[in-house]
Amino acid sequence: MKNDWGDEGWRWLQGALKDRGISPDSKRLYPRYWSDPRFGIARRGVPVIGITWYEASAYCRWLLRLWEGLEEGLENPGWKPLTLRLPTEAEWALAAGGDEDDRRYPWDPAGQLTTAEAEIICRANVYESQIGRTTPVGMYPLGASWPFVLWDLASNVHEWQANYSSTSHDYLSFRGGSWGHSHEVARTARRFSVALPSYPWNHDGFRVVAFPS
């Protein structure tokens, strides 16, 4: 990553506060869809969306710093991660069971492929599900990834990744499907690679990777 992205993130924050009419001295900036009844705080248990890469990365640092006093730390007494951050694409693909076969979904065991749309929408919140918004994590037990049993890798929200999408430009990648895109996009090999770190779309969220000390 760029060595000066920390400064860029701060400059982005100042611009975002100004755009929303918030004092630059404020220490709180809510996600863009925080008050939206379809996506925001009123629907606890669903992924937070409208988050930029800067905000997702800042959240990881905040969570690590305050771990012991937060719910995550209280539920895991005596354990604190050494590192918390966004996953790289390689880590995400590993958690999804591999992305070598471009027809595979994260829940497909080795040698099996899901092809029927009816079977896919039993496992993932994608456009064809016709729900039209994010859903609570754990709503699709049949969609847990193989073999590591992670939820929603193929649906709900596209997930910010830690790495550039290529060495030729500054775009970042998203992995995983979303509530607003076709099930074709939910396959493990698919990726969005045209995202600048300031993009806050309502199809996008993030997943945190924790490394033990």
N, C-alpha and C. Protein backbone atom coordinates (compact mmCIF):
# COMPACT_ATOMS: atom_id res chain seq x y z
N MET A 1 0.83 -1.19 0.00
CA MET A 1 0.00 0.00 0.00
C MET A 1 0.87 1.26 0.00
N LYS A 2 0.26 2.34 -0.39
CA LYS A 2 0.99 3.60 -0.40
C LYS A 2 1.38 3.99 1.02
N ASN A 3 2.60 4.49 1.17
CA ASN A 3 3.02 4.93 2.49
C ASN A 3 2.24 6.13 2.99
N ASP A 4 1.68 6.93 2.06
CA ASP A 4 0.98 8.14 2.47
C ASP A 4 -0.54 7.97 2.49
N TRP A 5 -1.04 6.74 2.44
CA TRP A 5 -2.48 6.56 2.45
C TRP A 5 -3.10 6.99 3.76
N GLY A 6 -2.33 6.95 4.85
CA GLY A 6 -2.85 7.46 6.11
C GLY A 6 -3.21 8.93 6.00
N ASP A 7 -2.35 9.72 5.40
CA ASP A 7 -2.63 11.14 5.19
C ASP A 7 -3.79 11.32 4.21
N GLU A 8 -3.85 10.49 3.18
CA GLU A 8 -4.96 10.58 2.23
C GLU A 8 -6.28 10.29 2.92
N GLY A 9 -6.29 9.31 3.81
CA GLY A 9 -7.49 8.99 4.55
C GLY A 9 -7.95 10.15 5.42
N TRP A 10 -6.99 10.84 6.04
CA TRP A 10 -7.34 12.00 6.86
C TRP A 10 -7.91 13.12 6.00
N ARG A 11 -7.32 13.33 4.85
CA ARG A 11 -7.85 14.36 3.95
C ARG A 11 -9.24 13.98 3.45
N TRP A 12 -9.45 12.69 3.17
CA TRP A 12 -10.78 12.25 2.77
C TRP A 12 -11.79 12.53 3.89
N LEU A 13 -11.42 12.25 5.14
CA LEU A 13 -12.32 12.47 6.26
C LEU A 13 -12.71 13.93 6.38
N GLN A 14 -11.75 14.82 6.25
CA GLN A 14 -12.06 16.25 6.34
C GLN A 14 -13.03 16.67 5.24
N GLY A 15 -12.83 16.15 4.04
CA GLY A 15 -13.74 16.46 2.94
C GLY A 15 -15.13 15.89 3.17
N ALA A 16 -15.20 14.66 3.72
CA ALA A 16 -16.50 14.04 3.98
C ALA A 16 -17.27 14.79 5.05
N LEU A 17 -16.58 15.25 6.09
CA LEU A 17 -17.24 16.04 7.13
C LEU A 17 -17.80 17.33 6.56
N LYS A 18 -17.01 17.97 5.71
CA LYS A 18 -17.46 19.22 5.09
C LYS A 18 -18.67 18.98 4.20
N ASP A 19 -18.62 17.92 3.38
CA ASP A 19 -19.72 17.63 2.47
C ASP A 19 -21.03 17.36 3.21
N ARG A 20 -20.94 16.81 4.41
CA ARG A 20 -22.15 16.48 5.17
C ARG A 20 -22.51 17.55 6.19
N GLY A 21 -21.80 18.67 6.15
CA GLY A 21 -22.11 19.77 7.05
C GLY A 21 -21.77 19.51 8.50
N ILE A 22 -20.74 18.69 8.74
CA ILE A 22 -20.32 18.35 10.09
C ILE A 22 -19.05 19.12 10.43
N SER A 23 -18.93 19.58 11.65
CA SER A 23 -17.76 20.33 12.07
C SER A 23 -16.49 19.50 11.87
N PRO A 24 -15.44 20.12 11.35
CA PRO A 24 -14.17 19.38 11.18
C PRO A 24 -13.57 18.93 12.50
N ASP A 25 -14.04 19.50 13.62
CA ASP A 25 -13.56 19.09 14.94
C ASP A 25 -14.30 17.86 15.46
N SER A 26 -15.32 17.43 14.74
CA SER A 26 -16.09 16.27 15.18
C SER A 26 -15.23 15.01 15.12
N LYS A 27 -15.44 14.13 16.09
CA LYS A 27 -14.70 12.87 16.12
C LYS A 27 -15.57 11.69 15.65
N ARG A 28 -16.74 12.00 15.09
CA ARG A 28 -17.65 10.93 14.72
C ARG A 28 -18.24 11.18 13.34
N LEU A 29 -18.08 10.20 12.48
CA LEU A 29 -18.69 10.23 11.15
C LEU A 29 -19.37 8.89 10.93
N TYR A 30 -20.69 8.92 10.87
CA TYR A 30 -21.42 7.67 10.69
C TYR A 30 -21.33 7.20 9.25
N PRO A 31 -21.45 5.87 9.04
CA PRO A 31 -21.49 5.35 7.65
C PRO A 31 -22.60 6.03 6.86
N ARG A 32 -22.40 6.06 5.56
CA ARG A 32 -23.30 6.83 4.69
C ARG A 32 -24.75 6.39 4.80
N TYR A 33 -25.01 5.10 5.01
CA TYR A 33 -26.39 4.60 5.05
C TYR A 33 -26.84 4.27 6.48
N TRP A 34 -26.19 4.85 7.47
CA TRP A 34 -26.45 4.54 8.87
C TRP A 34 -27.90 4.79 9.27
N SER A 35 -28.53 5.81 8.72
CA SER A 35 -29.92 6.15 9.08
C SER A 35 -30.94 5.61 8.09
N ASP A 36 -30.49 4.91 7.07
CA ASP A 36 -31.40 4.34 6.08
C ASP A 36 -32.13 3.14 6.69
N PRO A 37 -33.47 3.14 6.70
CA PRO A 37 -34.21 2.03 7.33
C PRO A 37 -33.98 0.69 6.66
N ARG A 38 -33.51 0.69 5.42
CA ARG A 38 -33.24 -0.59 4.74
C ARG A 38 -31.90 -1.18 5.12
N PHE A 39 -30.94 -0.34 5.51
CA PHE A 39 -29.57 -0.80 5.65
C PHE A 39 -28.88 -0.44 6.97
N GLY A 40 -29.42 0.53 7.71
CA GLY A 40 -28.65 1.14 8.78
C GLY A 40 -28.83 0.54 10.16
N ILE A 41 -28.63 1.38 11.18
CA ILE A 41 -28.60 0.95 12.57
C ILE A 41 -29.90 0.31 13.01
N ALA A 42 -31.02 0.64 12.37
CA ALA A 42 -32.30 0.04 12.74
C ALA A 42 -32.33 -1.46 12.48
N ARG A 43 -31.44 -1.95 11.63
CA ARG A 43 -31.41 -3.38 11.29
C ARG A 43 -30.12 -4.01 11.82
N ARG A 44 -30.08 -4.20 13.11
CA ARG A 44 -28.90 -4.79 13.74
C ARG A 44 -28.69 -6.23 13.26
N GLY A 45 -27.43 -6.60 13.15
CA GLY A 45 -27.11 -7.95 12.72
C GLY A 45 -26.84 -8.08 11.24
N VAL A 46 -27.02 -6.99 10.48
CA VAL A 46 -26.71 -7.01 9.05
C VAL A 46 -25.38 -6.30 8.83
N PRO A 47 -24.69 -6.57 7.73
CA PRO A 47 -23.42 -5.90 7.48
C PRO A 47 -23.58 -4.39 7.32
N VAL A 48 -22.61 -3.65 7.79
CA VAL A 48 -22.57 -2.20 7.56
C VAL A 48 -22.14 -1.96 6.12
N ILE A 49 -22.86 -1.07 5.43
CA ILE A 49 -22.54 -0.77 4.03
C ILE A 49 -22.25 0.72 3.87
N GLY A 50 -21.89 1.10 2.64
CA GLY A 50 -21.57 2.50 2.39
C GLY A 50 -20.29 2.91 3.08
N ILE A 51 -19.38 1.96 3.25
CA ILE A 51 -18.12 2.18 3.96
C ILE A 51 -16.99 2.28 2.93
N THR A 52 -16.20 3.32 3.05
CA THR A 52 -15.03 3.43 2.19
C THR A 52 -13.91 2.52 2.70
N TRP A 53 -12.91 2.32 1.87
CA TRP A 53 -11.74 1.53 2.29
C TRP A 53 -11.07 2.22 3.47
N TYR A 54 -11.01 3.54 3.45
CA TYR A 54 -10.40 4.27 4.56
C TYR A 54 -11.13 3.96 5.87
N GLU A 55 -12.46 3.99 5.84
CA GLU A 55 -13.24 3.75 7.05
C GLU A 55 -13.10 2.31 7.52
N ALA A 56 -13.13 1.36 6.60
CA ALA A 56 -12.99 -0.04 6.98
C ALA A 56 -11.64 -0.29 7.63
N SER A 57 -10.58 0.27 7.07
CA SER A 57 -9.25 0.09 7.64
C SER A 57 -9.13 0.78 9.00
N ALA A 58 -9.74 1.97 9.13
CA ALA A 58 -9.71 2.68 10.41
C ALA A 58 -10.47 1.89 11.47
N TYR A 59 -11.56 1.25 11.09
CA TYR A 59 -12.32 0.43 12.04
C TYR A 59 -11.45 -0.70 12.58
N CYS A 60 -10.69 -1.35 11.72
CA CYS A 60 -9.82 -2.44 12.16
C CYS A 60 -8.83 -1.95 13.22
N ARG A 61 -8.25 -0.78 13.01
CA ARG A 61 -7.31 -0.23 13.99
C ARG A 61 -8.01 0.12 15.29
N TRP A 62 -9.20 0.71 15.17
CA TRP A 62 -9.98 1.08 16.36
C TRP A 62 -10.35 -0.17 17.17
N LEU A 63 -10.78 -1.23 16.49
CA LEU A 63 -11.18 -2.46 17.16
C LEU A 63 -10.01 -3.08 17.90
N LEU A 64 -8.85 -3.10 17.28
CA LEU A 64 -7.67 -3.67 17.93
C LEU A 64 -7.27 -2.85 19.16
N ARG A 65 -7.30 -1.53 19.04
CA ARG A 65 -6.86 -0.67 20.13
C ARG A 65 -7.76 -0.80 21.35
N LEU A 66 -9.08 -0.93 21.14
CA LEU A 66 -10.04 -0.94 22.25
C LEU A 66 -10.59 -2.33 22.55
N TRP A 67 -9.95 -3.34 22.07
CA TRP A 67 -10.45 -4.71 22.10
C TRP A 67 -10.96 -5.15 23.47
N GLU A 68 -10.17 -4.95 24.52
CA GLU A 68 -10.53 -5.48 25.84
C GLU A 68 -11.84 -4.92 26.37
N GLY A 69 -12.19 -3.69 25.99
CA GLY A 69 -13.40 -3.08 26.52
C GLY A 69 -14.62 -3.22 25.64
N LEU A 70 -14.47 -3.85 24.48
CA LEU A 70 -15.59 -4.02 23.56
C LEU A 70 -16.20 -5.42 23.69
N GLU A 71 -17.37 -5.57 23.12
CA GLU A 71 -18.08 -6.85 23.22
C GLU A 71 -17.24 -8.01 22.71
N GLU A 72 -16.50 -7.77 21.61
CA GLU A 72 -15.67 -8.83 21.05
C GLU A 72 -14.64 -9.33 22.05
N GLY A 73 -14.00 -8.38 22.76
CA GLY A 73 -13.00 -8.76 23.75
C GLY A 73 -13.61 -9.40 24.99
N LEU A 74 -14.76 -8.89 25.43
CA LEU A 74 -15.41 -9.43 26.63
C LEU A 74 -15.90 -10.86 26.40
N GLU A 75 -16.24 -11.18 25.17
CA GLU A 75 -16.69 -12.54 24.87
C GLU A 75 -15.52 -13.50 24.65
N ASN A 76 -14.31 -12.95 24.59
CA ASN A 76 -13.10 -13.78 24.40
C ASN A 76 -12.07 -13.41 25.46
N PRO A 77 -12.37 -13.61 26.74
CA PRO A 77 -11.44 -13.20 27.80
C PRO A 77 -10.11 -13.92 27.70
N GLY A 78 -9.05 -13.15 27.94
CA GLY A 78 -7.72 -13.75 27.90
C GLY A 78 -7.13 -13.87 26.51
N TRP A 79 -7.86 -13.41 25.50
CA TRP A 79 -7.35 -13.51 24.12
C TRP A 79 -7.47 -12.16 23.45
N LYS A 80 -6.38 -11.71 22.85
CA LYS A 80 -6.40 -10.48 22.08
C LYS A 80 -5.61 -10.70 20.80
N PRO A 81 -6.17 -10.33 19.67
CA PRO A 81 -5.43 -10.52 18.41
C PRO A 81 -4.20 -9.63 18.35
N LEU A 82 -3.18 -10.14 17.70
CA LEU A 82 -1.98 -9.34 17.47
C LEU A 82 -2.22 -8.33 16.37
N THR A 83 -3.00 -8.73 15.37
CA THR A 83 -3.29 -7.88 14.22
C THR A 83 -4.75 -8.05 13.81
N LEU A 84 -5.37 -6.95 13.46
CA LEU A 84 -6.71 -6.95 12.86
C LEU A 84 -6.64 -6.10 11.61
N ARG A 85 -7.10 -6.63 10.49
CA ARG A 85 -7.05 -5.87 9.24
C ARG A 85 -8.00 -6.48 8.23
N LEU A 86 -8.09 -5.83 7.07
CA LEU A 86 -8.85 -6.39 5.95
C LEU A 86 -8.06 -7.56 5.36
N PRO A 87 -8.74 -8.52 4.76
CA PRO A 87 -8.02 -9.64 4.15
C PRO A 87 -7.41 -9.26 2.81
N THR A 88 -6.36 -9.94 2.45
CA THR A 88 -5.88 -9.86 1.07
C THR A 88 -6.75 -10.78 0.21
N GLU A 89 -6.68 -10.61 -1.09
CA GLU A 89 -7.47 -11.49 -1.96
C GLU A 89 -7.05 -12.94 -1.81
N ALA A 90 -5.76 -13.17 -1.63
CA ALA A 90 -5.28 -14.55 -1.46
C ALA A 90 -5.87 -15.17 -0.20
N GLU A 91 -5.95 -14.41 0.87
CA GLU A 91 -6.54 -14.91 2.12
C GLU A 91 -8.03 -15.15 1.95
N TRP A 92 -8.70 -14.22 1.27
CA TRP A 92 -10.14 -14.38 1.04
C TRP A 92 -10.41 -15.63 0.23
N ALA A 93 -9.65 -15.83 -0.84
CA ALA A 93 -9.86 -17.00 -1.70
C ALA A 93 -9.60 -18.29 -0.93
N LEU A 94 -8.60 -18.30 -0.07
CA LEU A 94 -8.33 -19.48 0.75
C LEU A 94 -9.51 -19.78 1.67
N ALA A 95 -10.06 -18.73 2.30
CA ALA A 95 -11.22 -18.92 3.19
C ALA A 95 -12.44 -19.42 2.42
N ALA A 96 -12.52 -19.07 1.14
CA ALA A 96 -13.64 -19.48 0.30
C ALA A 96 -13.42 -20.86 -0.31
N GLY A 97 -12.33 -21.52 0.02
CA GLY A 97 -12.09 -22.85 -0.49
C GLY A 97 -11.35 -22.92 -1.81
N GLY A 98 -10.86 -21.76 -2.30
CA GLY A 98 -10.10 -21.72 -3.54
C GLY A 98 -10.88 -21.10 -4.69
N ASP A 99 -10.16 -20.45 -5.59
CA ASP A 99 -10.81 -19.79 -6.73
C ASP A 99 -10.22 -20.21 -8.06
N GLU A 100 -9.63 -21.41 -8.10
CA GLU A 100 -9.05 -21.89 -9.35
C GLU A 100 -10.11 -22.22 -10.39
N ASP A 101 -11.24 -22.76 -9.96
CA ASP A 101 -12.34 -23.10 -10.86
C ASP A 101 -13.31 -21.92 -10.90
N ASP A 102 -13.45 -21.27 -12.05
CA ASP A 102 -14.27 -20.06 -12.12
C ASP A 102 -15.78 -20.35 -12.10
N ARG A 103 -16.18 -21.61 -11.96
CA ARG A 103 -17.60 -21.96 -11.87
C ARG A 103 -18.02 -22.22 -10.43
N ARG A 104 -17.09 -22.24 -9.52
CA ARG A 104 -17.34 -22.70 -8.16
C ARG A 104 -17.86 -21.58 -7.25
N TYR A 105 -18.76 -21.95 -6.32
CA TYR A 105 -19.21 -21.07 -5.25
C TYR A 105 -18.52 -21.48 -3.95
N PRO A 106 -18.43 -20.60 -2.97
CA PRO A 106 -17.68 -20.93 -1.75
C PRO A 106 -18.17 -22.17 -1.02
N TRP A 107 -19.46 -22.50 -1.11
CA TRP A 107 -19.99 -23.64 -0.38
C TRP A 107 -19.76 -24.96 -1.10
N ASP A 108 -19.29 -24.95 -2.34
CA ASP A 108 -19.12 -26.17 -3.11
C ASP A 108 -17.93 -26.98 -2.61
N PRO A 109 -18.15 -28.23 -2.16
CA PRO A 109 -17.01 -29.09 -1.81
C PRO A 109 -16.19 -29.43 -3.05
N ALA A 110 -15.01 -29.95 -2.82
CA ALA A 110 -14.13 -30.32 -3.94
C ALA A 110 -14.85 -31.29 -4.87
N GLY A 111 -14.81 -30.98 -6.16
CA GLY A 111 -15.41 -31.85 -7.16
C GLY A 111 -16.89 -31.65 -7.38
N GLN A 112 -17.51 -30.70 -6.66
CA GLN A 112 -18.93 -30.44 -6.85
C GLN A 112 -19.15 -28.99 -7.25
N LEU A 113 -20.17 -28.75 -8.10
CA LEU A 113 -20.49 -27.41 -8.55
C LEU A 113 -22.00 -27.20 -8.48
N THR A 114 -22.41 -26.08 -7.92
CA THR A 114 -23.83 -25.73 -7.89
C THR A 114 -24.17 -24.96 -9.15
N THR A 115 -25.17 -25.42 -9.90
CA THR A 115 -25.54 -24.76 -11.16
C THR A 115 -26.98 -24.28 -11.18
N ALA A 116 -27.86 -24.89 -10.42
CA ALA A 116 -29.28 -24.54 -10.45
C ALA A 116 -29.52 -23.25 -9.65
N GLU A 117 -30.21 -22.29 -10.27
CA GLU A 117 -30.48 -21.02 -9.60
C GLU A 117 -31.25 -21.23 -8.30
N ALA A 118 -32.18 -22.15 -8.29
CA ALA A 118 -32.96 -22.41 -7.07
C ALA A 118 -32.07 -22.85 -5.93
N GLU A 119 -31.04 -23.62 -6.23
CA GLU A 119 -30.10 -24.06 -5.19
C GLU A 119 -29.22 -22.90 -4.72
N ILE A 120 -28.87 -22.02 -5.63
CA ILE A 120 -28.02 -20.88 -5.28
C ILE A 120 -28.75 -19.93 -4.35
N ILE A 121 -30.00 -19.60 -4.64
CA ILE A 121 -30.70 -18.62 -3.81
C ILE A 121 -31.13 -19.20 -2.47
N CYS A 122 -31.00 -20.51 -2.29
CA CYS A 122 -31.15 -21.10 -0.95
C CYS A 122 -29.91 -20.87 -0.10
N ARG A 123 -28.84 -20.44 -0.74
CA ARG A 123 -27.55 -20.34 -0.07
C ARG A 123 -26.98 -18.93 -0.04
N ALA A 124 -27.60 -17.99 -0.75
CA ALA A 124 -26.99 -16.68 -0.89
C ALA A 124 -28.02 -15.59 -1.14
N ASN A 125 -27.78 -14.44 -0.56
CA ASN A 125 -28.60 -13.24 -0.81
C ASN A 125 -28.01 -12.50 -2.01
N VAL A 126 -28.53 -12.83 -3.19
CA VAL A 126 -28.08 -12.21 -4.44
C VAL A 126 -29.29 -11.57 -5.12
N TYR A 127 -29.06 -10.94 -6.24
CA TYR A 127 -30.14 -10.22 -6.93
C TYR A 127 -31.34 -11.11 -7.19
N GLU A 128 -31.09 -12.34 -7.62
CA GLU A 128 -32.18 -13.24 -7.96
C GLU A 128 -33.02 -13.63 -6.74
N SER A 129 -32.50 -13.41 -5.54
CA SER A 129 -33.28 -13.68 -4.33
C SER A 129 -34.43 -12.71 -4.18
N GLN A 130 -34.33 -11.52 -4.82
CA GLN A 130 -35.38 -10.50 -4.82
C GLN A 130 -35.70 -9.98 -3.41
N ILE A 131 -34.70 -9.96 -2.55
CA ILE A 131 -34.87 -9.39 -1.21
C ILE A 131 -34.66 -7.88 -1.24
N GLY A 132 -33.71 -7.43 -2.05
CA GLY A 132 -33.54 -6.00 -2.27
C GLY A 132 -32.83 -5.26 -1.15
N ARG A 133 -32.14 -5.97 -0.28
CA ARG A 133 -31.39 -5.32 0.80
C ARG A 133 -30.49 -6.37 1.46
N THR A 134 -29.67 -5.92 2.39
CA THR A 134 -28.82 -6.84 3.13
C THR A 134 -29.66 -7.71 4.08
N THR A 135 -29.12 -8.85 4.44
CA THR A 135 -29.79 -9.78 5.34
C THR A 135 -28.90 -10.09 6.53
N PRO A 136 -29.47 -10.53 7.67
CA PRO A 136 -28.66 -10.83 8.84
C PRO A 136 -27.64 -11.93 8.57
N VAL A 137 -26.47 -11.77 9.14
CA VAL A 137 -25.45 -12.81 9.03
C VAL A 137 -25.98 -14.08 9.69
N GLY A 138 -25.81 -15.21 9.03
CA GLY A 138 -26.32 -16.47 9.55
C GLY A 138 -27.66 -16.88 8.99
N MET A 139 -28.22 -16.07 8.11
CA MET A 139 -29.52 -16.39 7.53
C MET A 139 -29.43 -17.54 6.52
N TYR A 140 -28.22 -17.79 6.00
CA TYR A 140 -28.04 -18.81 4.96
C TYR A 140 -27.05 -19.88 5.43
N PRO A 141 -27.45 -20.77 6.33
CA PRO A 141 -26.52 -21.80 6.81
C PRO A 141 -26.04 -22.73 5.70
N LEU A 142 -26.85 -22.94 4.66
CA LEU A 142 -26.41 -23.79 3.55
C LEU A 142 -25.31 -23.14 2.73
N GLY A 143 -25.13 -21.84 2.90
CA GLY A 143 -24.12 -21.12 2.13
C GLY A 143 -22.78 -20.97 2.84
N ALA A 144 -22.61 -21.62 3.99
CA ALA A 144 -21.33 -21.55 4.69
C ALA A 144 -20.22 -22.12 3.81
N SER A 145 -19.07 -21.49 3.84
CA SER A 145 -18.00 -21.88 2.93
C SER A 145 -17.40 -23.24 3.29
N TRP A 146 -16.86 -23.89 2.27
CA TRP A 146 -16.19 -25.18 2.44
C TRP A 146 -14.69 -24.98 2.22
N PRO A 147 -13.84 -25.48 3.10
CA PRO A 147 -14.15 -26.29 4.29
C PRO A 147 -14.13 -25.49 5.60
N PHE A 148 -14.01 -24.14 5.55
CA PHE A 148 -13.76 -23.37 6.77
C PHE A 148 -15.01 -22.80 7.43
N VAL A 149 -16.18 -22.96 6.80
CA VAL A 149 -17.47 -22.60 7.40
C VAL A 149 -17.53 -21.11 7.75
N LEU A 150 -17.28 -20.25 6.79
CA LEU A 150 -17.47 -18.82 6.93
C LEU A 150 -18.80 -18.43 6.29
N TRP A 151 -19.48 -17.46 6.92
CA TRP A 151 -20.79 -17.04 6.44
C TRP A 151 -20.69 -15.96 5.35
N ASP A 152 -21.60 -16.02 4.41
CA ASP A 152 -21.87 -14.94 3.45
C ASP A 152 -20.69 -14.55 2.56
N LEU A 153 -19.78 -15.45 2.31
CA LEU A 153 -18.68 -15.11 1.40
C LEU A 153 -19.18 -14.91 -0.03
N ALA A 154 -20.32 -15.50 -0.36
CA ALA A 154 -20.81 -15.40 -1.74
C ALA A 154 -21.95 -14.40 -1.89
N SER A 155 -22.31 -13.69 -0.83
CA SER A 155 -23.51 -12.87 -0.96
C SER A 155 -23.55 -11.77 0.09
N ASN A 156 -24.64 -11.05 0.08
CA ASN A 156 -24.93 -9.97 1.01
C ASN A 156 -24.19 -8.69 0.63
N VAL A 157 -22.86 -8.65 0.78
CA VAL A 157 -22.11 -7.46 0.37
C VAL A 157 -20.78 -7.86 -0.27
N HIS A 158 -20.36 -7.08 -1.26
CA HIS A 158 -18.98 -7.20 -1.74
C HIS A 158 -18.06 -6.76 -0.61
N GLU A 159 -16.89 -7.38 -0.51
CA GLU A 159 -16.01 -7.13 0.62
C GLU A 159 -14.70 -6.47 0.17
N TRP A 160 -14.38 -5.34 0.81
CA TRP A 160 -13.11 -4.67 0.56
C TRP A 160 -11.95 -5.62 0.83
N GLN A 161 -10.94 -5.55 -0.03
CA GLN A 161 -9.71 -6.32 0.16
C GLN A 161 -8.56 -5.36 0.48
N ALA A 162 -7.50 -5.92 1.06
CA ALA A 162 -6.39 -5.09 1.51
C ALA A 162 -5.44 -4.70 0.38
N ASN A 163 -5.47 -5.43 -0.72
CA ASN A 163 -4.43 -5.26 -1.75
C ASN A 163 -4.95 -4.52 -2.98
N TYR A 164 -3.99 -3.98 -3.74
CA TYR A 164 -4.31 -3.44 -5.06
C TYR A 164 -4.80 -4.55 -5.98
N SER A 165 -5.61 -4.19 -6.96
CA SER A 165 -6.08 -5.19 -7.92
C SER A 165 -5.03 -5.53 -8.97
N SER A 166 -4.06 -4.64 -9.18
CA SER A 166 -2.96 -4.92 -10.09
C SER A 166 -1.83 -3.94 -9.77
N THR A 167 -0.72 -4.13 -10.42
CA THR A 167 0.42 -3.24 -10.20
C THR A 167 0.39 -2.03 -11.12
N SER A 168 -0.62 -1.94 -11.99
CA SER A 168 -0.63 -0.88 -13.00
C SER A 168 -1.42 0.35 -12.59
N HIS A 169 -2.21 0.26 -11.50
CA HIS A 169 -3.00 1.41 -11.08
C HIS A 169 -3.31 1.30 -9.59
N ASP A 170 -4.02 2.27 -9.05
CA ASP A 170 -4.28 2.34 -7.62
C ASP A 170 -5.65 1.79 -7.22
N TYR A 171 -6.27 1.00 -8.08
CA TYR A 171 -7.57 0.43 -7.74
C TYR A 171 -7.42 -0.71 -6.74
N LEU A 172 -8.43 -0.82 -5.87
CA LEU A 172 -8.51 -1.92 -4.93
C LEU A 172 -9.57 -2.92 -5.41
N SER A 173 -9.56 -4.08 -4.79
CA SER A 173 -10.49 -5.13 -5.20
C SER A 173 -11.60 -5.34 -4.18
N PHE A 174 -12.74 -5.81 -4.68
CA PHE A 174 -13.80 -6.39 -3.87
C PHE A 174 -13.89 -7.86 -4.23
N ARG A 175 -14.24 -8.68 -3.24
CA ARG A 175 -14.53 -10.09 -3.51
C ARG A 175 -15.87 -10.45 -2.89
N GLY A 176 -16.49 -11.49 -3.44
CA GLY A 176 -17.77 -11.95 -2.94
C GLY A 176 -18.94 -11.30 -3.66
N GLY A 177 -20.09 -11.95 -3.62
CA GLY A 177 -21.29 -11.41 -4.25
C GLY A 177 -21.97 -10.37 -3.39
N SER A 178 -23.13 -9.89 -3.85
CA SER A 178 -23.87 -8.90 -3.07
C SER A 178 -25.36 -9.06 -3.32
N TRP A 179 -26.16 -8.40 -2.45
CA TRP A 179 -27.61 -8.45 -2.57
C TRP A 179 -28.11 -7.82 -3.87
N GLY A 180 -27.32 -6.95 -4.48
CA GLY A 180 -27.76 -6.23 -5.66
C GLY A 180 -27.17 -6.70 -6.96
N HIS A 181 -26.39 -7.81 -6.95
CA HIS A 181 -25.79 -8.29 -8.18
C HIS A 181 -26.13 -9.76 -8.41
N SER A 182 -26.05 -10.16 -9.66
CA SER A 182 -26.41 -11.50 -10.08
C SER A 182 -25.58 -12.57 -9.37
N HIS A 183 -26.14 -13.76 -9.29
CA HIS A 183 -25.41 -14.88 -8.68
C HIS A 183 -24.15 -15.23 -9.45
N GLU A 184 -24.06 -14.82 -10.71
CA GLU A 184 -22.83 -15.06 -11.47
C GLU A 184 -21.64 -14.38 -10.80
N VAL A 185 -21.89 -13.24 -10.20
CA VAL A 185 -20.83 -12.47 -9.55
C VAL A 185 -20.40 -13.11 -8.23
N ALA A 186 -21.23 -13.98 -7.66
CA ALA A 186 -20.97 -14.58 -6.35
C ALA A 186 -19.97 -15.72 -6.41
N ARG A 187 -19.56 -16.14 -7.58
CA ARG A 187 -18.58 -17.22 -7.68
C ARG A 187 -17.23 -16.78 -7.11
N THR A 188 -16.49 -17.74 -6.59
CA THR A 188 -15.27 -17.39 -5.86
C THR A 188 -14.21 -16.72 -6.73
N ALA A 189 -14.21 -17.00 -8.01
CA ALA A 189 -13.18 -16.45 -8.89
C ALA A 189 -13.47 -15.02 -9.34
N ARG A 190 -14.70 -14.54 -9.14
CA ARG A 190 -15.06 -13.22 -9.63
C ARG A 190 -14.51 -12.13 -8.71
N ARG A 191 -14.16 -11.00 -9.32
CA ARG A 191 -13.63 -9.89 -8.54
C ARG A 191 -14.00 -8.57 -9.21
N PHE A 192 -14.22 -7.56 -8.38
CA PHE A 192 -14.36 -6.19 -8.85
C PHE A 192 -13.02 -5.50 -8.58
N SER A 193 -12.47 -4.86 -9.57
CA SER A 193 -11.13 -4.29 -9.41
C SER A 193 -11.05 -2.87 -9.94
N VAL A 194 -12.12 -2.09 -9.73
CA VAL A 194 -12.15 -0.71 -10.22
C VAL A 194 -12.51 0.25 -9.08
N ALA A 195 -12.13 -0.10 -7.87
CA ALA A 195 -12.55 0.67 -6.71
C ALA A 195 -11.43 1.56 -6.18
N LEU A 196 -11.69 2.84 -6.07
CA LEU A 196 -10.80 3.73 -5.35
C LEU A 196 -11.15 3.68 -3.86
N PRO A 197 -10.23 3.96 -2.97
CA PRO A 197 -10.48 3.79 -1.54
C PRO A 197 -11.57 4.70 -0.98
N SER A 198 -12.01 5.69 -1.75
CA SER A 198 -13.04 6.62 -1.28
C SER A 198 -14.45 6.22 -1.71
N TYR A 199 -14.61 5.09 -2.42
CA TYR A 199 -15.92 4.69 -2.91
C TYR A 199 -16.78 4.15 -1.76
N PRO A 200 -18.06 4.62 -1.63
CA PRO A 200 -18.94 4.18 -0.54
C PRO A 200 -20.26 3.55 -1.03
N TRP A 201 -20.22 2.59 -1.92
CA TRP A 201 -21.43 2.05 -2.52
C TRP A 201 -22.27 1.25 -1.53
N ASN A 202 -23.58 1.13 -1.82
CA ASN A 202 -24.46 0.40 -0.90
C ASN A 202 -24.47 -1.10 -1.13
N HIS A 203 -23.64 -1.59 -2.04
CA HIS A 203 -23.46 -3.03 -2.22
C HIS A 203 -22.24 -3.54 -1.45
N ASP A 204 -21.50 -2.64 -0.84
CA ASP A 204 -20.16 -3.00 -0.37
C ASP A 204 -20.00 -2.88 1.13
N GLY A 205 -19.27 -3.82 1.70
CA GLY A 205 -18.95 -3.82 3.11
C GLY A 205 -17.54 -4.37 3.31
N PHE A 206 -17.32 -5.05 4.41
CA PHE A 206 -15.98 -5.59 4.64
C PHE A 206 -16.03 -6.71 5.67
N ARG A 207 -14.95 -7.45 5.73
CA ARG A 207 -14.75 -8.56 6.66
C ARG A 207 -13.39 -8.35 7.34
N VAL A 208 -13.32 -8.66 8.61
CA VAL A 208 -12.09 -8.45 9.38
C VAL A 208 -11.35 -9.76 9.56
N VAL A 209 -10.03 -9.72 9.38
CA VAL A 209 -9.18 -10.87 9.64
C VAL A 209 -8.42 -10.62 10.94
N ALA A 210 -8.46 -11.58 11.86
CA ALA A 210 -7.77 -11.45 13.15
C ALA A 210 -6.66 -12.49 13.23
N PHE A 211 -5.47 -12.03 13.58
CA PHE A 211 -4.33 -12.92 13.74
C PHE A 211 -3.98 -13.02 15.22
N PRO A 212 -3.87 -14.23 15.77
CA PRO A 212 -3.60 -14.37 17.21
C PRO A 212 -2.20 -13.91 17.56
N SER A 213 -2.04 -13.51 18.80
CA SER A 213 -0.72 -13.08 19.28
C SER A 213 0.15 -14.30 19.57
